């Protein structure tokens, strides 16, 4: 069940998500990324997909931050480290660097999580096709967004079928590994078979990669949403332009000082 984002034209949350991604990476530091993360999680909670988006954010950002912190562990120097587990230490600068990578990444994942968890893939492609998205790009987009849910569905079907045949999936680690081997083969075969079926279906329908799709049920696009998208695209362009100008001035100033 999806959230209330389906009441909007899919291009509107997509434009908002890309604006937050740009703001988290190109906006003024250090407050732009935390603000983008707060907005992303707040909108997700307000639209009924907060738990799924928060799970995505934690699954990506936390391991990234931990990995960066582990990579920065070193022998401690007096007064410089904030963590001293025995013979290793962690500088404050390392913690700030890890947060500087993890927080913008969390904001980007949280914003794009709206599209993954809150917008139906086929509805998104219909909306983009109305704006001239090529047929091959629409197919790739739908297949990518539906790949993980489809793989999960297939895995459940294979698991139920193997259980009916008497396969034991419980027990210790070795038993679970043996069960996984028995499940992997049928799952891979079913996914390959489905890909072949999709190819045959596309061929039977006269699919042309360069063609333009038409929809029997156009996606509504209110005037207010078009205005909001224009403002979001303009704000995104301004943020990126500001970052490019700031980087150019910083590079020019550094070269002149040298």
C-alpha atoms as a PDB file:
ATOM      1  CA  UNK A   1       0.000   0.000   0.000  1.00  0.00           C
ATOM      2  CA  UNK A   2       1.439   3.322  -1.067  1.00  0.00           C
ATOM      3  CA  UNK A   3       1.159   6.666   0.606  1.00  0.00           C
ATOM      4  CA  UNK A   4      -0.619   9.849  -0.368  1.00  0.00           C
ATOM      5  CA  UNK A   5       2.068  10.752  -2.910  1.00  0.00           C
ATOM      6  CA  UNK A   6      -0.045   8.927  -5.490  1.00  0.00           C
ATOM      7  CA  UNK A   7      -2.478  11.837  -5.362  1.00  0.00           C
ATOM      8  CA  UNK A   8       0.207  13.993  -6.977  1.00  0.00           C
ATOM      9  CA  UNK A   9       1.580  13.887 -10.472  1.00  0.00           C
ATOM     10  CA  UNK A  10       4.725  11.694 -10.108  1.00  0.00           C
ATOM     11  CA  UNK A  11       6.883  14.377 -11.692  1.00  0.00           C
ATOM     12  CA  UNK A  12       6.222  16.662  -8.700  1.00  0.00           C
ATOM     13  CA  UNK A  13       7.725  14.434  -5.974  1.00  0.00           C
ATOM     14  CA  UNK A  14      10.518  13.551  -8.411  1.00  0.00           C
ATOM     15  CA  UNK A  15      11.376  17.248  -8.843  1.00  0.00           C
ATOM     16  CA  UNK A  16      11.221  17.773  -5.061  1.00  0.00           C
ATOM     17  CA  UNK A  17      13.445  14.753  -4.434  1.00  0.00           C
ATOM     18  CA  UNK A  18      16.060  15.927  -6.928  1.00  0.00           C
ATOM     19  CA  UNK A  19      15.976  19.389  -5.360  1.00  0.00           C
ATOM     20  CA  UNK A  20      16.741  17.880  -1.934  1.00  0.00           C
ATOM     21  CA  UNK A  21      19.560  15.791  -3.427  1.00  0.00           C
ATOM     22  CA  UNK A  22      21.083  18.912  -4.958  1.00  0.00           C
ATOM     23  CA  UNK A  23      20.607  20.864  -1.730  1.00  0.00           C
ATOM     24  CA  UNK A  24      22.215  18.135   0.388  1.00  0.00           C
ATOM     25  CA  UNK A  25      25.373  17.982  -1.742  1.00  0.00           C
ATOM     26  CA  UNK A  26      25.655  21.453  -3.272  1.00  0.00           C
ATOM     27  CA  UNK A  27      23.923  23.651  -0.698  1.00  0.00           C
ATOM     28  CA  UNK A  28      25.693  25.781   1.905  1.00  0.00           C
ATOM     29  CA  UNK A  29      27.539  23.687   4.473  1.00  0.00           C
ATOM     30  CA  UNK A  30      27.096  22.487   7.133  1.00  0.00           C
ATOM     31  CA  UNK A  31      23.365  22.974   7.655  1.00  0.00           C
ATOM     32  CA  UNK A  32      21.954  22.217   4.186  1.00  0.00           C
ATOM     33  CA  UNK A  33      22.397  18.427   4.349  1.00  0.00           C
ATOM     34  CA  UNK A  34      20.807  17.995   7.833  1.00  0.00           C
ATOM     35  CA  UNK A  35      17.949  20.283   6.767  1.00  0.00           C
ATOM     36  CA  UNK A  36      17.399  18.243   3.589  1.00  0.00           C
ATOM     37  CA  UNK A  37      17.436  15.027   5.632  1.00  0.00           C
ATOM     38  CA  UNK A  38      14.872  16.436   8.080  1.00  0.00           C
ATOM     39  CA  UNK A  39      12.596  17.529   5.229  1.00  0.00           C
ATOM     40  CA  UNK A  40      12.911  14.151   3.488  1.00  0.00           C
ATOM     41  CA  UNK A  41      12.013  12.192   6.618  1.00  0.00           C
ATOM     42  CA  UNK A  42       9.254  14.644   7.542  1.00  0.00           C
ATOM     43  CA  UNK A  43       7.560  14.412   4.159  1.00  0.00           C
ATOM     44  CA  UNK A  44       7.900  10.626   4.191  1.00  0.00           C
ATOM     45  CA  UNK A  45       6.238  10.447   7.612  1.00  0.00           C
ATOM     46  CA  UNK A  46       3.455  12.820   6.533  1.00  0.00           C
ATOM     47  CA  UNK A  47       2.676  10.730   3.443  1.00  0.00           C
ATOM     48  CA  UNK A  48       2.533   7.387   5.232  1.00  0.00           C
ATOM     49  CA  UNK A  49       5.844   5.910   4.085  1.00  0.00           C
ATOM     50  CA  UNK A  50       8.031   7.122   6.946  1.00  0.00           C
ATOM     51  CA  UNK A  51       8.996   3.672   8.214  1.00  0.00           C
ATOM     52  CA  UNK A  52      10.064   2.363   4.811  1.00  0.00           C
ATOM     53  CA  UNK A  53      12.065   5.480   3.984  1.00  0.00           C
ATOM     54  CA  UNK A  54      13.722   5.537   7.411  1.00  0.00           C
ATOM     55  CA  UNK A  55      14.686   1.883   6.952  1.00  0.00           C
ATOM     56  CA  UNK A  56      16.317   2.708   3.614  1.00  0.00           C
ATOM     57  CA  UNK A  57      18.177   5.642   5.151  1.00  0.00           C
ATOM     58  CA  UNK A  58      19.497   3.619   8.082  1.00  0.00           C
ATOM     59  CA  UNK A  59      20.441   0.664   5.871  1.00  0.00           C
ATOM     60  CA  UNK A  60      22.647   2.892   3.677  1.00  0.00           C
ATOM     61  CA  UNK A  61      23.912   5.712   5.891  1.00  0.00           C
ATOM     62  CA  UNK A  62      24.798   3.820   9.088  1.00  0.00           C
ATOM     63  CA  UNK A  63      27.071   1.182   7.453  1.00  0.00           C
ATOM     64  CA  UNK A  64      28.721   3.935   5.417  1.00  0.00           C
ATOM     65  CA  UNK A  65      29.481   6.005   8.514  1.00  0.00           C
ATOM     66  CA  UNK A  66      30.752   2.963  10.444  1.00  0.00           C
ATOM     67  CA  UNK A  67      33.001   1.926   7.560  1.00  0.00           C
ATOM     68  CA  UNK A  68      34.489   5.420   7.301  1.00  0.00           C
ATOM     69  CA  UNK A  69      35.111   5.546  11.042  1.00  0.00           C
ATOM     70  CA  UNK A  70      36.809   2.145  10.991  1.00  0.00           C
ATOM     71  CA  UNK A  71      39.028   3.266   8.112  1.00  0.00           C
ATOM     72  CA  UNK A  72      40.161   6.274  10.187  1.00  0.00           C
ATOM     73  CA  UNK A  73      41.141   4.309  13.297  1.00  0.00           C
ATOM     74  CA  UNK A  74      44.812   4.868  14.104  1.00  0.00           C
ATOM     75  CA  UNK A  75      47.286   5.005  16.942  1.00  0.00           C
ATOM     76  CA  UNK A  76      46.188   7.803  19.272  1.00  0.00           C
ATOM     77  CA  UNK A  77      48.085  11.036  19.755  1.00  0.00           C
ATOM     78  CA  UNK A  78      47.816  12.917  23.066  1.00  0.00           C
ATOM     79  CA  UNK A  79      44.778  15.210  23.180  1.00  0.00           C
ATOM     80  CA  UNK A  80      43.716  14.555  19.562  1.00  0.00           C
ATOM     81  CA  UNK A  81      41.535  11.457  19.772  1.00  0.00           C
ATOM     82  CA  UNK A  82      38.028  11.166  21.170  1.00  0.00           C
ATOM     83  CA  UNK A  83      37.878   7.364  21.187  1.00  0.00           C
ATOM     84  CA  UNK A  84      40.663   5.205  22.627  1.00  0.00           C
ATOM     85  CA  UNK A  85      39.749   1.522  22.541  1.00  0.00           C
ATOM     86  CA  UNK A  86      43.122   0.181  23.648  1.00  0.00           C
ATOM     87  CA  UNK A  87      45.811   0.985  21.128  1.00  0.00           C
ATOM     88  CA  UNK A  88      43.770   2.868  18.545  1.00  0.00           C
ATOM     89  CA  UNK A  89      42.173   6.290  18.463  1.00  0.00           C
ATOM     90  CA  UNK A  90      39.735   8.326  16.399  1.00  0.00           C
ATOM     91  CA  UNK A  91      40.285  11.995  15.639  1.00  0.00           C
ATOM     92  CA  UNK A  92      37.499  14.549  15.777  1.00  0.00           C
ATOM     93  CA  UNK A  93      38.269  15.407  12.160  1.00  0.00           C
ATOM     94  CA  UNK A  94      37.619  11.785  11.193  1.00  0.00           C
ATOM     95  CA  UNK A  95      34.211  11.885  12.872  1.00  0.00           C
ATOM     96  CA  UNK A  96      33.329  15.110  11.073  1.00  0.00           C
ATOM     97  CA  UNK A  97      34.480  13.641   7.747  1.00  0.00           C
ATOM     98  CA  UNK A  98      32.350  10.542   8.280  1.00  0.00           C
ATOM     99  CA  UNK A  99      29.303  12.652   9.134  1.00  0.00           C
ATOM    100  CA  UNK A 100      30.033  14.880   6.147  1.00  0.00           C
ATOM    101  CA  UNK A 101      29.660  11.870   3.880  1.00  0.00           C
ATOM    102  CA  UNK A 102      26.907   9.967   5.700  1.00  0.00           C
ATOM    103  CA  UNK A 103      24.457  12.841   6.273  1.00  0.00           C
ATOM    104  CA  UNK A 104      24.235  14.041   2.625  1.00  0.00           C
ATOM    105  CA  UNK A 105      23.982  10.414   1.550  1.00  0.00           C
ATOM    106  CA  UNK A 106      21.170   9.843   4.047  1.00  0.00           C
ATOM    107  CA  UNK A 107      19.359  12.940   2.764  1.00  0.00           C
ATOM    108  CA  UNK A 108      19.667  11.780  -0.850  1.00  0.00           C
ATOM    109  CA  UNK A 109      18.455   8.269  -0.020  1.00  0.00           C
ATOM    110  CA  UNK A 110      15.582   9.670   2.029  1.00  0.00           C
ATOM    111  CA  UNK A 111      14.460  11.975  -0.777  1.00  0.00           C
ATOM    112  CA  UNK A 112      14.729   9.347  -3.498  1.00  0.00           C
ATOM    113  CA  UNK A 113      13.003   6.933  -1.134  1.00  0.00           C
ATOM    114  CA  UNK A 114       9.809   8.857  -1.845  1.00  0.00           C
ATOM    115  CA  UNK A 115       9.966   7.605  -5.428  1.00  0.00           C
ATOM    116  CA  UNK A 116      10.838   4.026  -4.499  1.00  0.00           C
ATOM    117  CA  UNK A 117       8.322   3.634  -1.672  1.00  0.00           C
ATOM    118  CA  UNK A 118       5.631   6.187  -2.439  1.00  0.00           C
ATOM    119  CA  UNK A 119       5.126   6.304  -6.212  1.00  0.00           C
ATOM    120  CA  UNK A 120       3.898   3.419  -8.353  1.00  0.00           C
ATOM    121  CA  UNK A 121       6.587   2.693 -10.990  1.00  0.00           C
ATOM    122  CA  UNK A 122       4.152   2.342 -13.885  1.00  0.00           C
ATOM    123  CA  UNK A 123       2.408   5.577 -12.966  1.00  0.00           C
ATOM    124  CA  UNK A 124       5.772   7.353 -12.898  1.00  0.00           C
ATOM    125  CA  UNK A 125       6.702   6.045 -16.347  1.00  0.00           C
ATOM    126  CA  UNK A 126       3.335   7.081 -17.773  1.00  0.00           C
ATOM    127  CA  UNK A 127       3.855  10.599 -16.459  1.00  0.00           C
ATOM    128  CA  UNK A 128       7.382  10.740 -17.884  1.00  0.00           C
ATOM    129  CA  UNK A 129       6.234   9.249 -21.203  1.00  0.00           C
ATOM    130  CA  UNK A 130       3.777  12.119 -21.548  1.00  0.00           C
ATOM    131  CA  UNK A 131       6.798  14.432 -21.426  1.00  0.00           C
ATOM    132  CA  UNK A 132       8.589  12.542 -24.210  1.00  0.00           C
ATOM    133  CA  UNK A 133      10.465   9.803 -22.356  1.00  0.00           C
ATOM    134  CA  UNK A 134      11.576   7.208 -24.969  1.00  0.00           C
ATOM    135  CA  UNK A 135      10.007   3.769 -24.791  1.00  0.00           C
ATOM    136  CA  UNK A 136      13.312   2.021 -24.044  1.00  0.00           C
ATOM    137  CA  UNK A 137      13.982   4.377 -21.124  1.00  0.00           C
ATOM    138  CA  UNK A 138      10.478   3.810 -19.768  1.00  0.00           C
ATOM    139  CA  UNK A 139      10.979   0.051 -19.893  1.00  0.00           C
ATOM    140  CA  UNK A 140      14.370   0.256 -18.165  1.00  0.00           C
ATOM    141  CA  UNK A 141      12.917   2.498 -15.464  1.00  0.00           C
ATOM    142  CA  UNK A 142       9.963   0.220 -14.754  1.00  0.00           C
ATOM    143  CA  UNK A 143      12.121  -2.899 -14.777  1.00  0.00           C
ATOM    144  CA  UNK A 144      14.622  -1.315 -12.384  1.00  0.00           C
ATOM    145  CA  UNK A 145      12.013  -0.085  -9.897  1.00  0.00           C
ATOM    146  CA  UNK A 146      10.129  -3.381  -9.954  1.00  0.00           C
ATOM    147  CA  UNK A 147      13.199  -5.636  -9.825  1.00  0.00           C
ATOM    148  CA  UNK A 148      13.525  -5.861  -6.034  1.00  0.00           C
ATOM    149  CA  UNK A 149       9.785  -6.330  -5.261  1.00  0.00           C
ATOM    150  CA  UNK A 150       9.526  -8.909  -8.036  1.00  0.00           C
ATOM    151  CA  UNK A 151      12.576 -10.794  -6.749  1.00  0.00           C
ATOM    152  CA  UNK A 152      11.084 -10.844  -3.256  1.00  0.00           C
ATOM    153  CA  UNK A 153       7.781 -12.167  -4.569  1.00  0.00           C
ATOM    154  CA  UNK A 154       9.539 -14.870  -6.539  1.00  0.00           C
ATOM    155  CA  UNK A 155      11.658 -15.792  -3.518  1.00  0.00           C
ATOM    156  CA  UNK A 156       8.544 -16.247  -1.384  1.00  0.00           C
ATOM    157  CA  UNK A 157       6.963 -18.429  -4.053  1.00  0.00           C
ATOM    158  CA  UNK A 158      10.082 -20.596  -4.359  1.00  0.00           C
ATOM    159  CA  UNK A 159      10.357 -20.852  -0.570  1.00  0.00           C
ATOM    160  CA  UNK A 160       6.725 -21.958  -0.233  1.00  0.00           C
ATOM    161  CA  UNK A 161       7.135 -24.485  -3.048  1.00  0.00           C
ATOM    162  CA  UNK A 162      10.282 -25.959  -1.500  1.00  0.00           C
ATOM    163  CA  UNK A 163       8.637 -26.162   1.901  1.00  0.00           C
ATOM    164  CA  UNK A 164       5.766 -28.115   0.367  1.00  0.00           C
ATOM    165  CA  UNK A 165       8.382 -30.551  -0.939  1.00  0.00           C
ATOM    166  CA  UNK A 166       9.749 -31.056   2.574  1.00  0.00           C
ATOM    167  CA  UNK A 167      12.717 -28.678   2.549  1.00  0.00           C
ATOM    168  CA  UNK A 168      13.734 -27.612   6.043  1.00  0.00           C
ATOM    169  CA  UNK A 169      14.736 -23.945   6.276  1.00  0.00           C
ATOM    170  CA  UNK A 170      15.301 -23.773  10.046  1.00  0.00           C
ATOM    171  CA  UNK A 171      18.057 -25.081  12.288  1.00  0.00           C
ATOM    172  CA  UNK A 172      21.625 -23.880  12.608  1.00  0.00           C
ATOM    173  CA  UNK A 173      23.792 -21.852  10.212  1.00  0.00           C
ATOM    174  CA  UNK A 174      24.891 -24.901   8.189  1.00  0.00           C
ATOM    175  CA  UNK A 175      21.299 -26.016   7.691  1.00  0.00           C
ATOM    176  CA  UNK A 176      20.321 -22.551   6.526  1.00  0.00           C
ATOM    177  CA  UNK A 177      23.226 -22.450   4.052  1.00  0.00           C
ATOM    178  CA  UNK A 178      22.182 -25.801   2.595  1.00  0.00           C
ATOM    179  CA  UNK A 179      18.596 -24.559   2.313  1.00  0.00           C
ATOM    180  CA  UNK A 180      19.822 -21.377   0.620  1.00  0.00           C
ATOM    181  CA  UNK A 181      21.607 -23.427  -2.032  1.00  0.00           C
ATOM    182  CA  UNK A 182      18.389 -25.335  -2.703  1.00  0.00           C
ATOM    183  CA  UNK A 183      16.476 -22.056  -3.047  1.00  0.00           C
ATOM    184  CA  UNK A 184      18.992 -20.156  -5.179  1.00  0.00           C
ATOM    185  CA  UNK A 185      18.746 -22.415  -8.236  1.00  0.00           C
ATOM    186  CA  UNK A 186      14.952 -22.259  -8.734  1.00  0.00           C
ATOM    187  CA  UNK A 187      14.939 -18.528  -7.961  1.00  0.00           C
ATOM    188  CA  UNK A 188      17.575 -17.716 -10.587  1.00  0.00           C
ATOM    189  CA  UNK A 189      15.853 -19.924 -13.169  1.00  0.00           C
ATOM    190  CA  UNK A 190      12.481 -18.258 -12.512  1.00  0.00           C
ATOM    191  CA  UNK A 191      13.964 -14.763 -12.863  1.00  0.00           C
ATOM    192  CA  UNK A 192      15.698 -15.680 -16.145  1.00  0.00           C
ATOM    193  CA  UNK A 193      12.476 -17.236 -17.435  1.00  0.00           C
ATOM    194  CA  UNK A 194      10.541 -14.098 -16.550  1.00  0.00           C
ATOM    195  CA  UNK A 195      13.057 -11.952 -18.459  1.00  0.00           C
ATOM    196  CA  UNK A 196      12.564 -14.142 -21.513  1.00  0.00           C
ATOM    197  CA  UNK A 197       8.788 -13.885 -21.164  1.00  0.00           C
ATOM    198  CA  UNK A 198       9.024 -10.102 -20.992  1.00  0.00           C
ATOM    199  CA  UNK A 199      11.169 -10.023 -24.121  1.00  0.00           C
ATOM    200  CA  UNK A 200       8.651 -12.186 -25.997  1.00  0.00           C
ATOM    201  CA  UNK A 201       5.777  -9.999 -24.821  1.00  0.00           C
ATOM    202  CA  UNK A 202       7.547  -6.839 -25.994  1.00  0.00           C
ATOM    203  CA  UNK A 203       8.275  -8.417 -29.373  1.00  0.00           C
ATOM    204  CA  UNK A 204       4.655  -9.562 -29.767  1.00  0.00           C
ATOM    205  CA  UNK A 205       3.440  -6.017 -29.083  1.00  0.00           C
ATOM    206  CA  UNK A 206       5.747  -4.493 -31.678  1.00  0.00           C
ATOM    207  CA  UNK A 207       8.005  -2.726 -29.204  1.00  0.00           C
ATOM    208  CA  UNK A 208      10.232  -0.077 -30.767  1.00  0.00           C
ATOM    209  CA  UNK A 209      13.022   1.384 -28.586  1.00  0.00           C
ATOM    210  CA  UNK A 210      12.780   4.797 -30.226  1.00  0.00           C
ATOM    211  CA  UNK A 211       8.999   4.980 -30.232  1.00  0.00           C
ATOM    212  CA  UNK A 212       6.880   7.219 -28.042  1.00  0.00           C
ATOM    213  CA  UNK A 213       4.293   5.682 -25.747  1.00  0.00           C
ATOM    214  CA  UNK A 214       0.716   6.833 -25.419  1.00  0.00           C
ATOM    215  CA  UNK A 215      -1.486   6.196 -22.385  1.00  0.00           C
ATOM    216  CA  UNK A 216      -5.189   5.368 -22.237  1.00  0.00           C
ATOM    217  CA  UNK A 217      -5.391   7.020 -18.807  1.00  0.00           C
ATOM    218  CA  UNK A 218      -3.308  10.215 -18.728  1.00  0.00           C
ATOM    219  CA  UNK A 219      -1.904  11.215 -15.348  1.00  0.00           C
ATOM    220  CA  UNK A 220      -3.587  14.404 -14.053  1.00  0.00           C
ATOM    221  CA  UNK A 221      -1.323  17.428 -13.856  1.00  0.00           C
ATOM    222  CA  UNK A 222      -2.814  20.400 -12.024  1.00  0.00           C
ATOM    223  CA  UNK A 223      -1.690  23.949 -12.680  1.00  0.00           C
ATOM    224  CA  UNK A 224      -0.459  24.365  -9.106  1.00  0.00           C
ATOM    225  CA  UNK A 225       1.811  21.343  -9.488  1.00  0.00           C
ATOM    226  CA  UNK A 226       3.266  22.670 -12.727  1.00  0.00           C
ATOM    227  CA  UNK A 227       4.057  25.954 -10.981  1.00  0.00           C
ATOM    228  CA  UNK A 228       5.614  24.132  -8.016  1.00  0.00           C
ATOM    229  CA  UNK A 229       7.776  22.003 -10.328  1.00  0.00           C
ATOM    230  CA  UNK A 230       8.987  25.058 -12.204  1.00  0.00           C
ATOM    231  CA  UNK A 231       9.995  26.658  -8.901  1.00  0.00           C
ATOM    232  CA  UNK A 232      11.757  23.472  -7.786  1.00  0.00           C
ATOM    233  CA  UNK A 233      13.692  23.133 -11.045  1.00  0.00           C
ATOM    234  CA  UNK A 234      14.691  26.802 -10.846  1.00  0.00           C
ATOM    235  CA  UNK A 235      15.839  26.397  -7.232  1.00  0.00           C
ATOM    236  CA  UNK A 236      17.824  23.292  -8.173  1.00  0.00           C
ATOM    237  CA  UNK A 237      19.529  25.117 -11.037  1.00  0.00           C
ATOM    238  CA  UNK A 238      20.358  28.064  -8.764  1.00  0.00           C
ATOM    239  CA  UNK A 239      21.904  25.811  -6.114  1.00  0.00           C
ATOM    240  CA  UNK A 240      24.057  24.021  -8.687  1.00  0.00           C
ATOM    241  CA  UNK A 241      25.075  27.305 -10.302  1.00  0.00           C
ATOM    242  CA  UNK A 242      25.989  28.740  -6.894  1.00  0.00           C
ATOM    243  CA  UNK A 243      28.131  25.704  -6.140  1.00  0.00           C
ATOM    244  CA  UNK A 244      29.914  25.929  -9.506  1.00  0.00           C
ATOM    245  CA  UNK A 245      30.623  29.637  -9.030  1.00  0.00           C
ATOM    246  CA  UNK A 246      31.870  29.062  -5.480  1.00  0.00           C
ATOM    247  CA  UNK A 247      34.140  26.230  -6.641  1.00  0.00           C
ATOM    248  CA  UNK A 248      35.463  28.341  -9.530  1.00  0.00           C
ATOM    249  CA  UNK A 249      36.219  31.264  -7.254  1.00  0.00           C
ATOM    250  CA  UNK A 250      37.865  29.014  -4.696  1.00  0.00           C
ATOM    251  CA  UNK A 251      40.030  27.384  -7.370  1.00  0.00           C
ATOM    252  CA  UNK A 252      40.916  30.732  -8.895  1.00  0.00           C
ATOM    253  CA  UNK A 253      41.806  32.211  -5.525  1.00  0.00           C
ATOM    254  CA  UNK A 254      43.987  29.235  -4.677  1.00  0.00           C
ATOM    255  CA  UNK A 255      45.832  29.468  -7.977  1.00  0.00           C
ATOM    256  CA  UNK A 256      46.486  33.179  -7.548  1.00  0.00           C
ATOM    257  CA  UNK A 257      47.834  32.685  -4.028  1.00  0.00           C
ATOM    258  CA  UNK A 258      50.252  30.022  -5.208  1.00  0.00           C
END
